[in-house]
PDB file of all heavy atoms in Angstrom:
ATOM      1  N   SER A   1       3.675  -7.223  -6.992  1.00  0.00           N
ATOM      2  CA  SER A   1       2.595  -7.464  -6.039  1.00  0.00           C
ATOM      3  C   SER A   1       3.187  -8.017  -4.748  1.00  0.00           C
ATOM      4  O   SER A   1       4.256  -8.619  -4.730  1.00  0.00           O
ATOM      5  CB  SER A   1       1.572  -8.428  -6.629  1.00  0.00           C
ATOM      6  OG  SER A   1       2.170  -9.687  -6.875  1.00  0.00           O
ATOM      7  N   ASP A   2       2.463  -7.773  -3.657  1.00  0.00           N
ATOM      8  CA  ASP A   2       2.944  -8.202  -2.350  1.00  0.00           C
ATOM      9  C   ASP A   2       1.778  -8.772  -1.554  1.00  0.00           C
ATOM     10  O   ASP A   2       0.730  -9.095  -2.115  1.00  0.00           O
ATOM     11  CB  ASP A   2       3.631  -7.041  -1.622  1.00  0.00           C
ATOM     12  CG  ASP A   2       2.745  -5.822  -1.475  1.00  0.00           C
ATOM     13  OD1 ASP A   2       1.506  -5.949  -1.550  1.00  0.00           O
ATOM     14  OD2 ASP A   2       3.280  -4.721  -1.277  1.00  0.00           O
ATOM     15  N   VAL A   3       1.924  -8.840  -0.258  1.00  0.00           N
ATOM     16  CA  VAL A   3       0.908  -9.439   0.604  1.00  0.00           C
ATOM     17  C   VAL A   3      -0.447  -8.727   0.486  1.00  0.00           C
ATOM     18  O   VAL A   3      -1.494  -9.327   0.674  1.00  0.00           O
ATOM     19  CB  VAL A   3       1.413  -9.492   2.068  1.00  0.00           C
ATOM     20  CG1 VAL A   3       1.508  -8.092   2.661  1.00  0.00           C
ATOM     21  CG2 VAL A   3       0.531 -10.381   2.911  1.00  0.00           C
ATOM     22  N   ARG A   4      -0.435  -7.429   0.124  1.00  0.00           N
ATOM     23  CA  ARG A   4      -1.682  -6.659   0.022  1.00  0.00           C
ATOM     24  C   ARG A   4      -2.564  -7.124  -1.137  1.00  0.00           C
ATOM     25  O   ARG A   4      -3.750  -6.840  -1.153  1.00  0.00           O
ATOM     26  CB  ARG A   4      -1.379  -5.172  -0.147  1.00  0.00           C
ATOM     27  CG  ARG A   4      -0.662  -4.552   1.025  1.00  0.00           C
ATOM     28  CD  ARG A   4      -0.270  -3.113   0.663  1.00  0.00           C
ATOM     29  NE  ARG A   4       0.741  -2.598   1.542  1.00  0.00           N
ATOM     30  CZ  ARG A   4       2.049  -2.641   1.297  1.00  0.00           C
ATOM     31  NH1 ARG A   4       2.510  -3.172   0.207  1.00  0.00           N
ATOM     32  NH2 ARG A   4       2.898  -2.143   2.162  1.00  0.00           N
ATOM     33  N   THR A   5      -1.979  -7.769  -2.128  1.00  0.00           N
ATOM     34  CA  THR A   5      -2.753  -8.176  -3.308  1.00  0.00           C
ATOM     35  C   THR A   5      -3.000  -9.684  -3.376  1.00  0.00           C
ATOM     36  O   THR A   5      -3.511 -10.169  -4.377  1.00  0.00           O
ATOM     37  CB  THR A   5      -2.054  -7.699  -4.595  1.00  0.00           C
ATOM     38  OG1 THR A   5      -0.719  -8.214  -4.608  1.00  0.00           O
ATOM     39  CG2 THR A   5      -2.020  -6.187  -4.682  1.00  0.00           C
ATOM     40  N   LEU A   6      -2.629 -10.400  -2.306  1.00  0.00           N
ATOM     41  CA  LEU A   6      -2.948 -11.832  -2.239  1.00  0.00           C
ATOM     42  C   LEU A   6      -4.427 -11.982  -1.950  1.00  0.00           C
ATOM     43  O   LEU A   6      -4.981 -11.168  -1.224  1.00  0.00           O
ATOM     44  CB  LEU A   6      -2.138 -12.514  -1.128  1.00  0.00           C
ATOM     45  CG  LEU A   6      -0.626 -12.597  -1.334  1.00  0.00           C
ATOM     46  CD1 LEU A   6       0.032 -13.156  -0.081  1.00  0.00           C
ATOM     47  CD2 LEU A   6      -0.279 -13.450  -2.531  1.00  0.00           C
ATOM     48  N   PRO A   7      -5.159 -12.911  -2.428  1.00  0.00           N
ATOM     49  CA  PRO A   7      -4.766 -13.977  -3.344  1.00  0.00           C
ATOM     50  C   PRO A   7      -5.014 -13.635  -4.816  1.00  0.00           C
ATOM     51  O   PRO A   7      -4.959 -14.509  -5.664  1.00  0.00           O
ATOM     52  CB  PRO A   7      -5.678 -15.128  -2.907  1.00  0.00           C
ATOM     53  CG  PRO A   7      -6.954 -14.443  -2.540  1.00  0.00           C
ATOM     54  CD  PRO A   7      -6.514 -13.124  -1.922  1.00  0.00           C
ATOM     55  N   VAL A   8      -5.270 -12.370  -5.119  1.00  0.00           N
ATOM     56  CA  VAL A   8      -5.553 -11.983  -6.508  1.00  0.00           C
ATOM     57  C   VAL A   8      -4.358 -12.287  -7.409  1.00  0.00           C
ATOM     58  O   VAL A   8      -4.517 -12.805  -8.517  1.00  0.00           O
ATOM     59  CB  VAL A   8      -5.935 -10.486  -6.600  1.00  0.00           C
ATOM     60  CG1 VAL A   8      -6.167 -10.070  -8.038  1.00  0.00           C
ATOM     61  CG2 VAL A   8      -7.162 -10.192  -5.750  1.00  0.00           C
ATOM     62  N   TYR A   9      -3.136 -11.964  -6.929  1.00  0.00           N
ATOM     63  CA  TYR A   9      -1.912 -12.201  -7.697  1.00  0.00           C
ATOM     64  C   TYR A   9      -0.911 -12.958  -6.838  1.00  0.00           C
ATOM     65  O   TYR A   9      -0.850 -12.742  -5.627  1.00  0.00           O
ATOM     66  CB  TYR A   9      -1.256 -10.869  -8.116  1.00  0.00           C
ATOM     67  CG  TYR A   9      -2.147  -9.962  -8.895  1.00  0.00           C
ATOM     68  CD1 TYR A   9      -2.655  -8.808  -8.317  1.00  0.00           C
ATOM     69  CD2 TYR A   9      -2.493 -10.254 -10.201  1.00  0.00           C
ATOM     70  CE1 TYR A   9      -3.487  -7.956  -9.029  1.00  0.00           C
ATOM     71  CE2 TYR A   9      -3.327  -9.409 -10.924  1.00  0.00           C
ATOM     72  CZ  TYR A   9      -3.813  -8.269 -10.329  1.00  0.00           C
ATOM     73  OH  TYR A   9      -4.636  -7.440 -11.039  1.00  0.00           O
ATOM     74  N   ARG A  10      -0.120 -13.774  -7.477  1.00  0.00           N
ATOM     75  CA  ARG A  10       1.002 -14.396  -6.768  1.00  0.00           C
ATOM     76  C   ARG A  10       1.997 -13.306  -6.419  1.00  0.00           C
ATOM     77  O   ARG A  10       2.183 -12.344  -7.181  1.00  0.00           O
ATOM     78  CB  ARG A  10       1.666 -15.450  -7.639  1.00  0.00           C
ATOM     79  CG  ARG A  10       0.842 -16.713  -7.735  1.00  0.00           C
ATOM     80  CD  ARG A  10       1.523 -17.866  -8.435  1.00  0.00           C
ATOM     81  NE  ARG A  10       2.952 -17.754  -8.557  1.00  0.00           N
ATOM     82  CZ  ARG A  10       3.628 -18.153  -9.624  1.00  0.00           C
ATOM     83  NH1 ARG A  10       3.005 -18.678 -10.652  1.00  0.00           N
ATOM     84  NH2 ARG A  10       4.936 -18.039  -9.667  1.00  0.00           N
ATOM     85  N   ARG A  11       2.629 -13.427  -5.283  1.00  0.00           N
ATOM     86  CA  ARG A  11       3.619 -12.441  -4.834  1.00  0.00           C
ATOM     87  C   ARG A  11       4.693 -12.273  -5.907  1.00  0.00           C
ATOM     88  O   ARG A  11       5.188 -13.238  -6.463  1.00  0.00           O
ATOM     89  CB  ARG A  11       4.242 -12.915  -3.529  1.00  0.00           C
ATOM     90  CG  ARG A  11       4.941 -11.836  -2.799  1.00  0.00           C
ATOM     91  CD  ARG A  11       5.477 -12.357  -1.484  1.00  0.00           C
ATOM     92  NE  ARG A  11       5.733 -11.210  -0.650  1.00  0.00           N
ATOM     93  CZ  ARG A  11       5.408 -11.112   0.615  1.00  0.00           C
ATOM     94  NH1 ARG A  11       4.817 -12.101   1.221  1.00  0.00           N
ATOM     95  NH2 ARG A  11       5.693 -10.021   1.283  1.00  0.00           N
ATOM     96  N   GLY A  12       5.022 -11.012  -6.229  1.00  0.00           N
ATOM     97  CA  GLY A  12       6.043 -10.715  -7.222  1.00  0.00           C
ATOM     98  C   GLY A  12       5.523 -10.474  -8.626  1.00  0.00           C
ATOM     99  O   GLY A  12       6.283 -10.113  -9.520  1.00  0.00           O
ATOM    100  N   THR A  13       4.212 -10.632  -8.838  1.00  0.00           N
ATOM    101  CA  THR A  13       3.616 -10.370 -10.152  1.00  0.00           C
ATOM    102  C   THR A  13       3.683  -8.869 -10.436  1.00  0.00           C
ATOM    103  O   THR A  13       3.375  -8.052  -9.565  1.00  0.00           O
ATOM    104  CB  THR A  13       2.138 -10.827 -10.174  1.00  0.00           C
ATOM    105  OG1 THR A  13       2.086 -12.215  -9.843  1.00  0.00           O
ATOM    106  CG2 THR A  13       1.500 -10.575 -11.524  1.00  0.00           C
ATOM    107  N   GLU A  14       4.070  -8.484 -11.651  1.00  0.00           N
ATOM    108  CA  GLU A  14       4.126  -7.068 -12.003  1.00  0.00           C
ATOM    109  C   GLU A  14       2.703  -6.531 -12.177  1.00  0.00           C
ATOM    110  O   GLU A  14       1.911  -7.079 -12.938  1.00  0.00           O
ATOM    111  CB  GLU A  14       4.927  -6.845 -13.285  1.00  0.00           C
ATOM    112  CG  GLU A  14       5.137  -5.376 -13.594  1.00  0.00           C
ATOM    113  CD  GLU A  14       6.019  -5.141 -14.809  1.00  0.00           C
ATOM    114  OE1 GLU A  14       6.202  -6.070 -15.616  1.00  0.00           O
ATOM    115  OE2 GLU A  14       6.510  -4.015 -14.953  1.00  0.00           O
ATOM    116  N   ILE A  15       2.385  -5.463 -11.423  1.00  0.00           N
ATOM    117  CA  ILE A  15       1.062  -4.841 -11.476  1.00  0.00           C
ATOM    118  C   ILE A  15       1.213  -3.323 -11.520  1.00  0.00           C
ATOM    119  O   ILE A  15       2.288  -2.784 -11.269  1.00  0.00           O
ATOM    120  CB  ILE A  15       0.175  -5.240 -10.259  1.00  0.00           C
ATOM    121  CG1 ILE A  15       0.836  -4.802  -8.944  1.00  0.00           C
ATOM    122  CG2 ILE A  15      -0.108  -6.729 -10.267  1.00  0.00           C
ATOM    123  CD1 ILE A  15      -0.038  -4.997  -7.708  1.00  0.00           C
ATOM    124  N   ARG A  16       0.134  -2.625 -11.838  1.00  0.00           N
ATOM    125  CA  ARG A  16       0.103  -1.156 -11.851  1.00  0.00           C
ATOM    126  C   ARG A  16       0.429  -0.640 -10.458  1.00  0.00           C
ATOM    127  O   ARG A  16      -0.054  -1.166  -9.459  1.00  0.00           O
ATOM    128  CB  ARG A  16      -1.294  -0.701 -12.279  1.00  0.00           C
ATOM    129  CG  ARG A  16      -1.499   0.790 -12.255  1.00  0.00           C
ATOM    130  CD  ARG A  16      -0.892   1.417 -13.469  1.00  0.00           C
ATOM    131  NE  ARG A  16      -1.298   2.813 -13.541  1.00  0.00           N
ATOM    132  CZ  ARG A  16      -0.509   3.750 -14.012  1.00  0.00           C
ATOM    133  NH1 ARG A  16       0.672   3.449 -14.480  1.00  0.00           N
ATOM    134  NH2 ARG A  16      -0.910   4.986 -14.071  1.00  0.00           N
ATOM    135  N   ASN A  17       1.223   0.393 -10.367  1.00  0.00           N
ATOM    136  CA  ASN A  17       1.605   0.970  -9.076  1.00  0.00           C
ATOM    137  C   ASN A  17       0.621   2.076  -8.682  1.00  0.00           C
ATOM    138  O   ASN A  17       0.701   3.185  -9.189  1.00  0.00           O
ATOM    139  CB  ASN A  17       3.025   1.538  -9.134  1.00  0.00           C
ATOM    140  CG  ASN A  17       3.499   2.032  -7.790  1.00  0.00           C
ATOM    141  OD1 ASN A  17       2.849   1.836  -6.767  1.00  0.00           O
ATOM    142  ND2 ASN A  17       4.649   2.678  -7.782  1.00  0.00           N
ATOM    143  N   VAL A  18      -0.295   1.744  -7.809  1.00  0.00           N
ATOM    144  CA  VAL A  18      -1.223   2.749  -7.279  1.00  0.00           C
ATOM    145  C   VAL A  18      -0.817   3.140  -5.855  1.00  0.00           C
ATOM    146  O   VAL A  18      -1.564   3.796  -5.141  1.00  0.00           O
ATOM    147  CB  VAL A  18      -2.687   2.258  -7.317  1.00  0.00           C
ATOM    148  CG1 VAL A  18      -3.162   2.133  -8.753  1.00  0.00           C
ATOM    149  CG2 VAL A  18      -2.850   0.950  -6.574  1.00  0.00           C
ATOM    150  N   ARG A  19       0.395   2.730  -5.453  1.00  0.00           N
ATOM    151  CA  ARG A  19       0.963   3.061  -4.144  1.00  0.00           C
ATOM    152  C   ARG A  19       2.227   3.900  -4.349  1.00  0.00           C
ATOM    153  O   ARG A  19       3.250   3.662  -3.726  1.00  0.00           O
ATOM    154  CB  ARG A  19       1.290   1.793  -3.363  1.00  0.00           C
ATOM    155  CG  ARG A  19       0.101   0.897  -3.100  1.00  0.00           C
ATOM    156  CD  ARG A  19       0.491  -0.353  -2.346  1.00  0.00           C
ATOM    157  NE  ARG A  19       1.059  -0.070  -1.051  1.00  0.00           N
ATOM    158  CZ  ARG A  19       0.361   0.188   0.059  1.00  0.00           C
ATOM    159  NH1 ARG A  19      -0.952   0.213   0.008  1.00  0.00           N
ATOM    160  NH2 ARG A  19       0.960   0.437   1.192  1.00  0.00           N
ATOM    161  N   GLN A  20       2.146   4.896  -5.246  1.00  0.00           N
ATOM    162  CA  GLN A  20       3.322   5.703  -5.573  1.00  0.00           C
ATOM    163  C   GLN A  20       3.729   6.623  -4.429  1.00  0.00           C
ATOM    164  O   GLN A  20       4.899   6.978  -4.296  1.00  0.00           O
ATOM    165  CB  GLN A  20       3.054   6.546  -6.817  1.00  0.00           C
ATOM    166  CG  GLN A  20       2.852   5.712  -8.064  1.00  0.00           C
ATOM    167  CD  GLN A  20       2.423   6.557  -9.250  1.00  0.00           C
ATOM    168  OE1 GLN A  20       1.888   7.657  -9.117  1.00  0.00           O
ATOM    169  NE2 GLN A  20       2.643   6.024 -10.445  1.00  0.00           N
ATOM    170  N   MET A  21       2.772   7.022  -3.619  1.00  0.00           N
ATOM    171  CA  MET A  21       3.037   7.939  -2.505  1.00  0.00           C
ATOM    172  C   MET A  21       2.169   7.543  -1.314  1.00  0.00           C
ATOM    173  O   MET A  21       1.097   6.974  -1.489  1.00  0.00           O
ATOM    174  CB  MET A  21       2.673   9.386  -2.873  1.00  0.00           C
ATOM    175  CG  MET A  21       3.454  10.003  -3.988  1.00  0.00           C
ATOM    176  SD  MET A  21       2.834  11.675  -4.414  1.00  0.00           S
ATOM    177  CE  MET A  21       3.173  12.593  -2.911  1.00  0.00           C
ATOM    178  N   THR A  22       2.634   7.924  -0.128  1.00  0.00           N
ATOM    179  CA  THR A  22       1.825   7.799   1.080  1.00  0.00           C
ATOM    180  C   THR A  22       1.665   9.189   1.678  1.00  0.00           C
ATOM    181  O   THR A  22       2.638   9.934   1.813  1.00  0.00           O
ATOM    182  CB  THR A  22       2.497   6.871   2.108  1.00  0.00           C
ATOM    183  OG1 THR A  22       2.642   5.582   1.536  1.00  0.00           O
ATOM    184  CG2 THR A  22       1.669   6.761   3.369  1.00  0.00           C
ATOM    185  N   LEU A  23       0.428   9.532   2.013  1.00  0.00           N
ATOM    186  CA  LEU A  23       0.111  10.800   2.669  1.00  0.00           C
ATOM    187  C   LEU A  23      -0.340  10.501   4.086  1.00  0.00           C
ATOM    188  O   LEU A  23      -1.129   9.574   4.315  1.00  0.00           O
ATOM    189  CB  LEU A  23      -1.017  11.524   1.936  1.00  0.00           C
ATOM    190  CG  LEU A  23      -0.670  12.297   0.656  1.00  0.00           C
ATOM    191  CD1 LEU A  23       0.001  11.429  -0.370  1.00  0.00           C
ATOM    192  CD2 LEU A  23      -1.911  12.948   0.084  1.00  0.00           C
ATOM    193  N   ILE A  24       0.161  11.283   5.041  1.00  0.00           N
ATOM    194  CA  ILE A  24      -0.239  11.150   6.433  1.00  0.00           C
ATOM    195  C   ILE A  24      -0.696  12.505   6.954  1.00  0.00           C
ATOM    196  O   ILE A  24      -0.458  13.545   6.322  1.00  0.00           O
ATOM    197  CB  ILE A  24       0.894  10.570   7.316  1.00  0.00           C
ATOM    198  CG1 ILE A  24       2.154  11.443   7.239  1.00  0.00           C
ATOM    199  CG2 ILE A  24       1.198   9.136   6.925  1.00  0.00           C
ATOM    200  CD1 ILE A  24       3.265  11.014   8.180  1.00  0.00           C
ATOM    201  N   SER A  25      -1.326  12.484   8.122  1.00  0.00           N
ATOM    202  CA  SER A  25      -1.929  13.682   8.686  1.00  0.00           C
ATOM    203  C   SER A  25      -1.268  14.065  10.007  1.00  0.00           C
ATOM    204  O   SER A  25      -1.066  13.209  10.879  1.00  0.00           O
ATOM    205  CB  SER A  25      -3.420  13.404   8.924  1.00  0.00           C
ATOM    206  OG  SER A  25      -3.964  14.243   9.901  1.00  0.00           O
ATOM    207  N   THR A  26      -0.972  15.344  10.170  1.00  0.00           N
ATOM    208  CA  THR A  26      -0.438  15.851  11.436  1.00  0.00           C
ATOM    209  C   THR A  26      -1.365  15.498  12.585  1.00  0.00           C
ATOM    210  O   THR A  26      -0.932  14.978  13.616  1.00  0.00           O
ATOM    211  CB  THR A  26      -0.281  17.393  11.364  1.00  0.00           C
ATOM    212  OG1 THR A  26       0.628  17.708  10.319  1.00  0.00           O
ATOM    213  CG2 THR A  26       0.225  17.959  12.668  1.00  0.00           C
ATOM    214  N   GLU A  27      -2.645  15.752  12.393  1.00  0.00           N
ATOM    215  CA  GLU A  27      -3.617  15.530  13.469  1.00  0.00           C
ATOM    216  C   GLU A  27      -3.713  14.046  13.840  1.00  0.00           C
ATOM    217  O   GLU A  27      -3.770  13.693  15.026  1.00  0.00           O
ATOM    218  CB  GLU A  27      -5.000  16.066  13.058  1.00  0.00           C
ATOM    219  CG  GLU A  27      -5.058  17.565  12.887  1.00  0.00           C
ATOM    220  CD  GLU A  27      -4.635  18.075  11.494  1.00  0.00           C
ATOM    221  OE1 GLU A  27      -4.190  17.259  10.648  1.00  0.00           O
ATOM    222  OE2 GLU A  27      -4.742  19.285  11.257  1.00  0.00           O
ATOM    223  N   GLU A  28      -3.712  13.180  12.833  1.00  0.00           N
ATOM    224  CA  GLU A  28      -3.789  11.741  13.122  1.00  0.00           C
ATOM    225  C   GLU A  28      -2.517  11.246  13.799  1.00  0.00           C
ATOM    226  O   GLU A  28      -2.577  10.410  14.715  1.00  0.00           O
ATOM    227  CB  GLU A  28      -4.076  10.957  11.842  1.00  0.00           C
ATOM    228  CG  GLU A  28      -5.491  11.170  11.338  1.00  0.00           C
ATOM    229  CD  GLU A  28      -5.798  10.496  10.016  1.00  0.00           C
ATOM    230  OE1 GLU A  28      -4.863  10.185   9.241  1.00  0.00           O
ATOM    231  OE2 GLU A  28      -6.994  10.274   9.756  1.00  0.00           O
ATOM    232  N   MET A  29      -1.354  11.748  13.394  1.00  0.00           N
ATOM    233  CA  MET A  29      -0.108  11.341  14.051  1.00  0.00           C
ATOM    234  C   MET A  29      -0.081  11.819  15.507  1.00  0.00           C
ATOM    235  O   MET A  29       0.437  11.134  16.384  1.00  0.00           O
ATOM    236  CB  MET A  29       1.107  11.865  13.288  1.00  0.00           C
ATOM    237  CG  MET A  29       1.364  11.139  11.976  1.00  0.00           C
ATOM    238  SD  MET A  29       1.598   9.341  12.164  1.00  0.00           S
ATOM    239  CE  MET A  29       0.007   8.714  11.643  1.00  0.00           C
ATOM    240  N   GLU A  30      -0.664  12.984  15.769  1.00  0.00           N
ATOM    241  CA  GLU A  30      -0.767  13.453  17.161  1.00  0.00           C
ATOM    242  C   GLU A  30      -1.664  12.522  17.965  1.00  0.00           C
ATOM    243  O   GLU A  30      -1.355  12.196  19.115  1.00  0.00           O
ATOM    244  CB  GLU A  30      -1.295  14.889  17.194  1.00  0.00           C
ATOM    245  CG  GLU A  30      -0.289  15.898  16.683  1.00  0.00           C
ATOM    246  CD  GLU A  30      -0.866  17.302  16.448  1.00  0.00           C
ATOM    247  OE1 GLU A  30      -2.111  17.478  16.540  1.00  0.00           O
ATOM    248  OE2 GLU A  30      -0.066  18.209  16.167  1.00  0.00           O
ATOM    249  N   ASP A  31      -2.772  12.064  17.368  1.00  0.00           N
ATOM    250  CA  ASP A  31      -3.676  11.120  18.040  1.00  0.00           C
ATOM    251  C   ASP A  31      -2.951   9.809  18.356  1.00  0.00           C
ATOM    252  O   ASP A  31      -3.084   9.263  19.460  1.00  0.00           O
ATOM    253  CB  ASP A  31      -4.894  10.796  17.172  1.00  0.00           C
ATOM    254  CG  ASP A  31      -5.860  11.955  17.029  1.00  0.00           C
ATOM    255  OD1 ASP A  31      -5.754  12.942  17.796  1.00  0.00           O
ATOM    256  OD2 ASP A  31      -6.739  11.873  16.139  1.00  0.00           O
ATOM    257  N   VAL A  32      -2.200   9.290  17.396  1.00  0.00           N
ATOM    258  CA  VAL A  32      -1.481   8.031  17.596  1.00  0.00           C
ATOM    259  C   VAL A  32      -0.417   8.202  18.674  1.00  0.00           C
ATOM    260  O   VAL A  32      -0.264   7.337  19.548  1.00  0.00           O
ATOM    261  CB  VAL A  32      -0.859   7.521  16.269  1.00  0.00           C
ATOM    262  CG1 VAL A  32       0.023   6.304  16.508  1.00  0.00           C
ATOM    263  CG2 VAL A  32      -1.942   7.213  15.250  1.00  0.00           C
TER     264      VAL A  32
END
């Protein structure tokens, strides 16, 4: 666990990995 799961878990607690991949969009990157 990291800052995204505070205060539910202390940092470093082993949790299920639901962040296995990140998907991004061509159109959104063009906007940014």
